């Protein structure tokens, strides 16, 4: 049974590709869109043979047109790792502002409901712990992380403006640290960085003294929360993440135990504006969506480690190719 047609931006990325899978499995026709600046077509190549899936190689920061009807738009196009958004800061700001504006305009033209991917980074280095949706954050707009943090904060403001002024059906998901298969080993995020170092026989690098905390949510749980939020009637931001908090030092030790390696932990200076605490309060998700994470960190890490261990050796040392023309020539 066809449930409708959905546009997913950032479709070739880690989260975008899992969302494509979910919507296909739910019975939707999926239009994937990605400029492949950080996404990888290998994440969605299994979908290309399906009649329910089509793909556009396009930058949403430029005018977006999709022919035919659209029922939903899932706007997940954005660099999400520090390595990416520090390397391409202007593109990061543009996809959060111009890209969001274009997607909201398309949603208005198609009379489609839209969900936008915000982030726990809107809270900055929080002075409130755990973080609730009514906390406004502690963000440095001109620091190195500001290009990502402020892009997402502007994205939320633009989305609410369309909801208030144009009566557009909008949803905002604030995503906390997420992990699982299809993450890039070399994208700078803590979990793939640790596993990549372990697989390469390198010492694990902890920035600062390791007392800073993170809360890791397995991707299947996250996708379930996103799907429920999109299908709900709630227009305001909702935290989706796992409140099981752990220090980075403890997490590094978990990875060493998981991988059975003998590396030691080494320490380097903490990057500027790196958040010291990150833990979602998910009371709103529990109350409105009936959602909470089901996959334990031990279970999710085992699946993720097995995925990374199955990758060819060149993936451990080289960045993935993201060029669409190179892919087509294969």
Protein backbone atom coordinates (compact mmCIF):
# COMPACT_ATOMS: atom_id res chain seq x y z
CA UNK A 1 0.00 0.00 0.00
CA UNK A 2 1.46 3.34 -1.07
CA UNK A 3 1.47 5.75 1.88
CA UNK A 4 2.59 8.74 -0.17
CA UNK A 5 5.72 10.36 -1.52
CA UNK A 6 8.55 11.78 0.58
CA UNK A 7 11.62 13.87 -0.29
CA UNK A 8 14.66 13.09 1.88
CA UNK A 9 17.53 15.57 1.62
CA UNK A 10 20.97 14.38 2.68
CA UNK A 11 19.79 10.96 1.51
CA UNK A 12 23.28 9.53 0.96
CA UNK A 13 24.47 10.45 4.43
CA UNK A 14 24.57 8.28 7.54
CA UNK A 15 21.15 9.23 8.91
CA UNK A 16 19.60 10.08 5.55
CA UNK A 17 20.29 6.63 4.16
CA UNK A 18 18.71 4.92 7.17
CA UNK A 19 15.69 7.18 6.80
CA UNK A 20 15.41 6.18 3.13
CA UNK A 21 15.33 2.54 4.22
CA UNK A 22 12.68 3.23 6.85
CA UNK A 23 10.33 5.10 4.54
CA UNK A 24 10.71 2.48 1.79
CA UNK A 25 9.88 -0.23 4.32
CA UNK A 26 6.86 1.78 5.51
CA UNK A 27 5.45 1.79 1.96
CA UNK A 28 6.40 5.27 0.75
CA UNK A 29 7.83 6.39 -2.55
CA UNK A 30 11.14 8.04 -1.71
CA UNK A 31 12.90 10.82 -3.58
CA UNK A 32 16.47 11.05 -2.31
CA UNK A 33 18.49 14.23 -2.79
CA UNK A 34 22.16 14.83 -1.99
CA UNK A 35 25.06 16.82 -3.46
CA UNK A 36 27.47 14.18 -2.07
CA UNK A 37 29.74 16.75 -0.44
CA UNK A 38 29.79 14.51 2.65
CA UNK A 39 27.33 11.76 1.66
CA UNK A 40 28.28 8.51 -0.04
CA UNK A 41 26.25 6.75 -2.71
CA UNK A 42 27.38 3.40 -1.37
CA UNK A 43 24.95 4.02 1.51
CA UNK A 44 21.94 3.92 -0.82
CA UNK A 45 23.11 1.87 -3.81
CA UNK A 46 20.92 -1.03 -2.65
CA UNK A 47 17.89 1.21 -3.27
CA UNK A 48 18.65 2.18 -6.86
CA UNK A 49 17.01 -0.94 -8.28
CA UNK A 50 13.71 -0.22 -6.53
CA UNK A 51 10.87 1.44 -8.43
CA UNK A 52 9.90 3.20 -5.19
CA UNK A 53 13.19 5.10 -5.08
CA UNK A 54 14.66 7.86 -7.22
CA UNK A 55 17.73 10.00 -6.65
CA UNK A 56 18.66 13.60 -7.49
CA UNK A 57 22.28 14.73 -7.31
CA UNK A 58 21.52 18.30 -6.22
CA UNK A 59 22.56 20.97 -3.70
CA UNK A 60 19.51 22.15 -1.75
CA UNK A 61 21.23 25.51 -1.18
CA UNK A 62 20.22 26.16 -4.79
CA UNK A 63 16.63 26.25 -6.01
CA UNK A 64 14.91 22.93 -5.36
CA UNK A 65 12.30 21.53 -7.72
CA UNK A 66 10.72 18.10 -7.53
CA UNK A 67 8.03 17.27 -10.07
CA UNK A 68 4.80 15.64 -8.96
CA UNK A 69 3.14 15.49 -5.59
CA UNK A 70 4.97 15.42 -2.28
CA UNK A 71 3.37 14.50 1.02
CA UNK A 72 6.41 14.89 3.27
CA UNK A 73 9.85 16.48 3.24
CA UNK A 74 12.60 15.20 5.55
CA UNK A 75 15.34 17.86 5.51
CA UNK A 76 18.55 16.23 6.71
CA UNK A 77 21.06 17.83 4.34
CA UNK A 78 23.98 19.27 6.30
CA UNK A 79 27.55 18.48 7.25
CA UNK A 80 27.30 17.07 10.77
CA UNK A 81 30.84 16.30 11.93
CA UNK A 82 33.43 18.84 13.12
CA UNK A 83 35.92 17.81 10.42
CA UNK A 84 33.33 18.54 7.74
CA UNK A 85 31.82 21.78 8.96
CA UNK A 86 35.21 23.25 9.89
CA UNK A 87 36.48 22.40 6.42
CA UNK A 88 33.40 23.74 4.60
CA UNK A 89 32.00 26.43 6.90
CA UNK A 90 30.29 28.52 4.21
CA UNK A 91 28.48 25.52 2.72
CA UNK A 92 27.40 24.53 6.23
CA UNK A 93 25.86 27.95 6.84
CA UNK A 94 24.23 27.96 3.41
CA UNK A 95 22.56 24.57 3.73
CA UNK A 96 21.18 25.53 7.15
CA UNK A 97 19.82 28.85 5.88
CA UNK A 98 19.29 28.85 2.10
CA UNK A 99 18.77 25.10 1.97
CA UNK A 100 16.18 25.20 4.74
CA UNK A 101 14.45 28.17 3.09
CA UNK A 102 14.28 26.29 -0.21
CA UNK A 103 12.89 23.16 1.42
CA UNK A 104 10.30 25.13 3.38
CA UNK A 105 9.29 26.92 0.20
CA UNK A 106 8.90 23.58 -1.57
CA UNK A 107 6.83 22.23 1.32
CA UNK A 108 4.57 25.27 1.07
CA UNK A 109 4.20 24.88 -2.72
CA UNK A 110 3.43 21.14 -2.41
CA UNK A 111 1.32 21.46 0.75
CA UNK A 112 3.66 18.93 2.33
CA UNK A 113 4.54 18.38 5.97
CA UNK A 114 8.26 18.95 6.69
CA UNK A 115 10.57 17.81 9.45
CA UNK A 116 13.97 19.48 9.82
CA UNK A 117 17.02 17.96 11.49
CA UNK A 118 18.25 20.19 14.26
CA UNK A 119 20.85 19.17 16.79
CA UNK A 120 21.81 19.15 20.44
CA UNK A 121 24.49 21.65 19.39
CA UNK A 122 21.83 24.39 19.57
CA UNK A 123 22.40 24.11 23.34
CA UNK A 124 26.11 24.89 22.91
CA UNK A 125 28.18 24.24 26.04
CA UNK A 126 25.11 23.94 28.26
CA UNK A 127 24.61 25.54 31.65
CA UNK A 128 21.56 23.32 32.22
CA UNK A 129 21.90 19.56 32.65
CA UNK A 130 20.31 17.46 31.29
CA UNK A 131 19.16 19.60 28.39
CA UNK A 132 15.44 20.27 27.99
CA UNK A 133 13.79 21.72 24.90
CA UNK A 134 12.95 24.98 26.68
CA UNK A 135 16.65 25.71 27.38
CA UNK A 136 17.90 28.45 25.03
CA UNK A 137 21.54 27.39 25.02
CA UNK A 138 25.02 28.81 25.58
CA UNK A 139 26.48 29.24 22.09
CA UNK A 140 29.46 31.25 20.81
CA UNK A 141 28.25 32.57 17.42
CA UNK A 142 31.75 33.58 16.25
CA UNK A 143 33.67 30.56 17.50
CA UNK A 144 34.78 27.74 15.18
CA UNK A 145 31.67 25.68 15.95
CA UNK A 146 29.38 28.66 15.38
CA UNK A 147 28.99 27.89 11.67
CA UNK A 148 27.16 24.68 12.57
CA UNK A 149 25.48 25.73 15.81
CA UNK A 150 24.08 28.99 14.44
CA UNK A 151 23.05 27.41 11.12
CA UNK A 152 20.88 25.00 13.08
CA UNK A 153 19.52 27.70 15.38
CA UNK A 154 18.60 29.83 12.36
CA UNK A 155 17.06 26.74 10.76
CA UNK A 156 14.77 26.32 13.75
CA UNK A 157 13.77 30.01 13.67
CA UNK A 158 13.02 29.86 9.93
CA UNK A 159 10.99 26.70 10.36
CA UNK A 160 8.89 28.19 13.15
CA UNK A 161 8.36 31.35 11.10
CA UNK A 162 6.91 29.26 8.24
CA UNK A 163 4.75 27.40 10.75
CA UNK A 164 3.47 30.60 12.35
CA UNK A 165 3.14 32.84 9.30
CA UNK A 166 2.26 30.37 6.52
CA UNK A 167 0.55 27.78 8.78
CA UNK A 168 2.88 25.16 7.32
CA UNK A 169 2.93 21.76 9.03
CA UNK A 170 6.46 21.65 10.47
CA UNK A 171 8.34 19.39 12.86
CA UNK A 172 11.76 19.97 14.50
CA UNK A 173 13.90 17.13 15.83
CA UNK A 174 16.89 17.94 18.02
CA UNK A 175 19.26 15.03 17.49
CA UNK A 176 21.80 14.00 20.11
CA UNK A 177 24.91 11.86 19.47
CA UNK A 178 23.95 8.97 17.22
CA UNK A 179 25.91 5.99 15.93
CA UNK A 180 25.58 2.84 13.87
CA UNK A 181 26.49 1.26 10.53
CA UNK A 182 27.31 3.61 7.62
CA UNK A 183 29.07 6.19 9.74
CA UNK A 184 32.30 7.36 8.13
CA UNK A 185 35.39 6.23 9.99
CA UNK A 186 37.26 9.44 9.23
CA UNK A 187 34.61 12.07 9.93
CA UNK A 188 36.02 13.19 13.28
CA UNK A 189 33.16 12.11 15.52
CA UNK A 190 34.19 10.38 18.70
CA UNK A 191 32.77 6.90 18.18
CA UNK A 192 34.08 6.18 14.65
CA UNK A 193 37.33 7.93 15.58
CA UNK A 194 37.88 5.59 18.53
CA UNK A 195 36.93 2.44 16.61
CA UNK A 196 39.05 3.49 13.62
CA UNK A 197 42.07 4.08 15.85
CA UNK A 198 41.57 0.73 17.54
CA UNK A 199 41.30 -1.12 14.22
CA UNK A 200 44.45 0.61 12.95
CA UNK A 201 46.37 -0.26 16.11
CA UNK A 202 46.68 3.40 17.15
CA UNK A 203 46.30 4.84 20.62
CA UNK A 204 42.89 6.36 21.31
CA UNK A 205 42.92 10.17 21.36
CA UNK A 206 40.88 11.88 24.07
CA UNK A 207 40.63 15.66 23.96
CA UNK A 208 40.77 17.37 27.33
CA UNK A 209 40.92 15.21 30.45
CA UNK A 210 38.09 12.95 29.28
CA UNK A 211 35.63 14.13 31.93
CA UNK A 212 33.30 15.64 29.34
CA UNK A 213 30.19 13.54 28.72
CA UNK A 214 28.18 12.34 25.75
CA UNK A 215 25.02 10.25 25.37
CA UNK A 216 24.97 7.85 22.42
CA UNK A 217 21.79 6.72 20.68
CA UNK A 218 21.73 3.79 18.26
CA UNK A 219 20.54 4.76 14.79
CA UNK A 220 17.48 2.45 14.70
CA UNK A 221 16.14 4.06 17.86
CA UNK A 222 16.77 7.52 16.47
CA UNK A 223 15.00 6.76 13.18
CA UNK A 224 12.00 5.44 15.11
CA UNK A 225 11.80 8.69 17.08
CA UNK A 226 12.12 10.82 13.94
CA UNK A 227 9.38 8.84 12.18
CA UNK A 228 7.02 9.14 15.15
CA UNK A 229 7.64 12.89 15.40
CA UNK A 230 6.95 13.44 11.70
CA UNK A 231 3.66 11.55 12.01
CA UNK A 232 2.66 13.42 15.17
CA UNK A 233 0.86 16.76 15.33
CA UNK A 234 3.53 18.46 17.49
CA UNK A 235 5.24 21.47 15.83
CA UNK A 236 7.84 22.40 18.46
CA UNK A 237 11.36 21.01 19.01
CA UNK A 238 11.70 17.53 20.47
CA UNK A 239 14.91 15.98 21.81
CA UNK A 240 15.60 12.54 20.36
CA UNK A 241 18.57 10.80 21.94
CA UNK A 242 19.62 8.30 24.57
CA UNK A 243 19.93 9.76 28.10
CA UNK A 244 22.48 7.09 29.11
CA UNK A 245 25.39 9.46 29.80
CA UNK A 246 29.06 8.43 29.83
CA UNK A 247 32.37 10.29 30.09
CA UNK A 248 34.64 10.26 27.06
CA UNK A 249 37.39 8.58 29.10
CA UNK A 250 35.04 5.78 30.15
CA UNK A 251 33.83 5.47 26.57
CA UNK A 252 37.38 5.09 25.26
CA UNK A 253 37.92 2.30 27.79
CA UNK A 254 34.70 0.61 26.60
CA UNK A 255 35.96 0.69 23.01
CA UNK A 256 39.31 -0.83 23.99
CA UNK A 257 37.49 -3.62 25.84
CA UNK A 258 35.09 -4.16 22.92
CA UNK A 259 37.82 -4.38 20.30
CA UNK A 260 40.13 -6.51 22.42
CA UNK A 261 43.06 -4.24 21.61
CA UNK A 262 45.81 -3.11 23.92
CA UNK A 263 46.14 0.54 22.98
CA UNK A 264 46.41 3.17 25.63
CA UNK A 265 44.48 6.43 25.86
CA UNK A 266 46.41 9.60 25.04
CA UNK A 267 45.28 13.13 25.82
CA UNK A 268 45.33 16.28 23.70
CA UNK A 269 44.09 19.84 24.35
CA UNK A 270 40.33 20.33 24.27
CA UNK A 271 39.08 22.15 21.13
CA UNK A 272 37.55 25.59 21.61
CA UNK A 273 33.89 25.61 22.69
CA UNK A 274 33.70 21.81 22.89
CA UNK A 275 30.66 21.02 25.10
CA UNK A 276 31.53 19.61 28.50
CA UNK A 277 28.17 17.90 29.02
CA UNK A 278 25.64 16.40 26.66
CA UNK A 279 22.60 14.51 27.89
CA UNK A 280 19.06 14.80 26.56
CA UNK A 281 16.01 15.13 28.71
CA UNK A 282 13.52 13.03 26.70
CA UNK A 283 10.41 13.55 28.83
CA UNK A 284 8.72 15.34 25.93
CA UNK A 285 9.43 12.49 23.50
CA UNK A 286 8.14 9.97 26.03
CA UNK A 287 4.94 11.94 26.67
CA UNK A 288 4.08 13.05 23.13
CA UNK A 289 5.52 10.25 21.00
CA UNK A 290 5.54 7.32 23.40
CA UNK A 291 9.19 6.96 22.41
CA UNK A 292 12.34 6.03 24.26
CA UNK A 293 15.48 4.19 23.12
CA UNK A 294 15.43 0.39 23.23
CA UNK A 295 18.95 -0.61 22.10
CA UNK A 296 21.56 -0.70 24.85
CA UNK A 297 24.98 0.83 24.20
CA UNK A 298 26.63 -2.59 24.54
CA UNK A 299 24.32 -4.07 21.89
CA UNK A 300 24.59 -1.12 19.53
CA UNK A 301 28.37 -0.88 19.83
CA UNK A 302 28.74 -4.57 18.98
CA UNK A 303 26.71 -4.13 15.77
CA UNK A 304 28.62 -0.98 14.85
CA UNK A 305 32.02 -2.51 15.55
CA UNK A 306 31.18 -5.56 13.43
CA UNK A 307 30.20 -3.21 10.59
CA UNK A 308 33.46 -1.25 10.75
CA UNK A 309 35.50 -4.42 11.06
CA UNK A 310 33.90 -5.74 7.84
CA UNK A 311 35.07 -2.74 5.79
CA UNK A 312 38.00 -3.17 3.40
CA UNK A 313 41.39 -2.01 4.66
CA UNK A 314 41.46 1.05 2.41
CA UNK A 315 38.42 2.41 4.27
CA UNK A 316 40.48 2.53 7.44
CA UNK A 317 43.05 4.87 5.93
CA UNK A 318 41.34 6.77 3.13
CA UNK A 319 38.33 9.00 2.97
CA UNK A 320 35.40 7.71 0.92
CA UNK A 321 34.90 8.97 -2.62
CA UNK A 322 31.82 11.19 -2.79
CA UNK A 323 31.93 12.18 -6.43
CA UNK A 324 28.79 11.24 -8.35
CA UNK A 325 30.60 11.04 -11.70
CA UNK A 326 33.15 8.61 -10.27
CA UNK A 327 30.31 6.43 -9.00
CA UNK A 328 28.51 6.38 -12.34
CA UNK A 329 31.71 5.26 -14.07
CA UNK A 330 32.03 2.17 -11.88
